[in-house]
Amino acid sequence: MGKRLIPLAAMEKIMKKCGAERVSDKAKAALKNALEEIAEEIATDAVKLATHAGRKTVKASDIKLASK
């Protein structure tokens, strides 16, 4: 079992907000894994951007740029 960075309850809330009446545990886990993979890629790129700019602090602008 991997690290739990994002709670499964949050995945259910997101899916219900989008119109799902019921959400299976496997669907919650699949969404969680997908979001965590995407978030890790964005975070890695944002750290590289901050380092390139000579900063130790990652700023919101680094996240926005990395997500494009």
Protein backbone atom coordinates (compact mmCIF):
# COMPACT_ATOMS: atom_id res chain seq x y z
CA MET A 1 0.00 0.00 0.00
CA GLY A 2 1.34 3.44 -0.97
CA LYS A 3 1.53 6.59 1.04
CA ARG A 4 -1.82 8.26 1.68
CA LEU A 5 -1.24 11.88 0.77
CA ILE A 6 -4.78 12.68 -0.31
CA PRO A 7 -7.67 11.21 1.72
CA LEU A 8 -10.17 8.98 -0.07
CA ALA A 9 -13.02 11.01 1.43
CA ALA A 10 -11.86 14.00 -0.59
CA MET A 11 -12.06 11.92 -3.78
CA GLU A 12 -15.65 11.00 -2.98
CA LYS A 13 -16.54 14.65 -2.36
CA ILE A 14 -15.04 15.67 -5.69
CA MET A 15 -16.90 12.98 -7.59
CA LYS A 16 -20.21 13.68 -5.86
CA LYS A 17 -19.79 17.39 -6.57
CA CYS A 18 -19.47 16.42 -10.23
CA GLY A 19 -22.77 14.54 -10.13
CA ALA A 20 -22.00 10.98 -9.00
CA GLU A 21 -24.68 9.49 -6.75
CA ARG A 22 -22.49 6.66 -5.48
CA VAL A 23 -18.72 6.11 -5.71
CA SER A 24 -16.96 2.77 -5.31
CA ASP A 25 -13.84 2.40 -3.22
CA LYS A 26 -11.90 1.36 -6.33
CA ALA A 27 -13.01 4.53 -8.14
CA LYS A 28 -11.90 6.68 -5.20
CA ALA A 29 -8.51 4.94 -5.14
CA ALA A 30 -8.09 5.28 -8.91
CA LEU A 31 -8.82 9.01 -8.84
CA LYS A 32 -6.51 9.46 -5.83
CA ASN A 33 -3.65 7.68 -7.61
CA ALA A 34 -4.14 9.68 -10.80
CA LEU A 35 -4.21 13.00 -8.97
CA GLU A 36 -1.17 12.14 -6.85
CA GLU A 37 0.84 11.20 -9.95
CA ILE A 38 -0.07 14.46 -11.67
CA ALA A 39 0.63 16.46 -8.50
CA GLU A 40 4.05 14.85 -8.10
CA GLU A 41 5.02 15.73 -11.68
CA ILE A 42 3.88 19.34 -11.22
CA ALA A 43 5.67 19.65 -7.87
CA THR A 44 8.92 18.29 -9.33
CA ASP A 45 8.77 20.75 -12.22
CA ALA A 46 7.92 23.63 -9.85
CA VAL A 47 10.94 22.85 -7.65
CA LYS A 48 13.16 22.86 -10.75
CA LEU A 49 11.75 26.24 -11.78
CA ALA A 50 12.33 27.73 -8.32
CA THR A 51 15.87 26.36 -8.21
CA HIS A 52 16.59 27.72 -11.68
CA ALA A 53 15.38 31.14 -10.51
CA GLY A 54 17.83 30.95 -7.58
CA ARG A 55 15.13 30.49 -4.95
CA LYS A 56 14.61 27.86 -2.27
CA THR A 57 10.94 28.80 -1.94
CA VAL A 58 8.44 27.39 -4.42
CA LYS A 59 5.88 30.05 -5.27
CA ALA A 60 2.38 29.83 -6.69
CA SER A 61 3.71 31.16 -9.99
CA ASP A 62 6.09 28.16 -10.19
CA ILE A 63 3.13 25.80 -9.72
CA LYS A 64 1.07 27.62 -12.37
CA LEU A 65 3.94 27.54 -14.85
CA ALA A 66 4.75 23.88 -14.13
CA SER A 67 1.13 22.86 -14.63
CA LYS A 68 1.02 24.19 -18.19
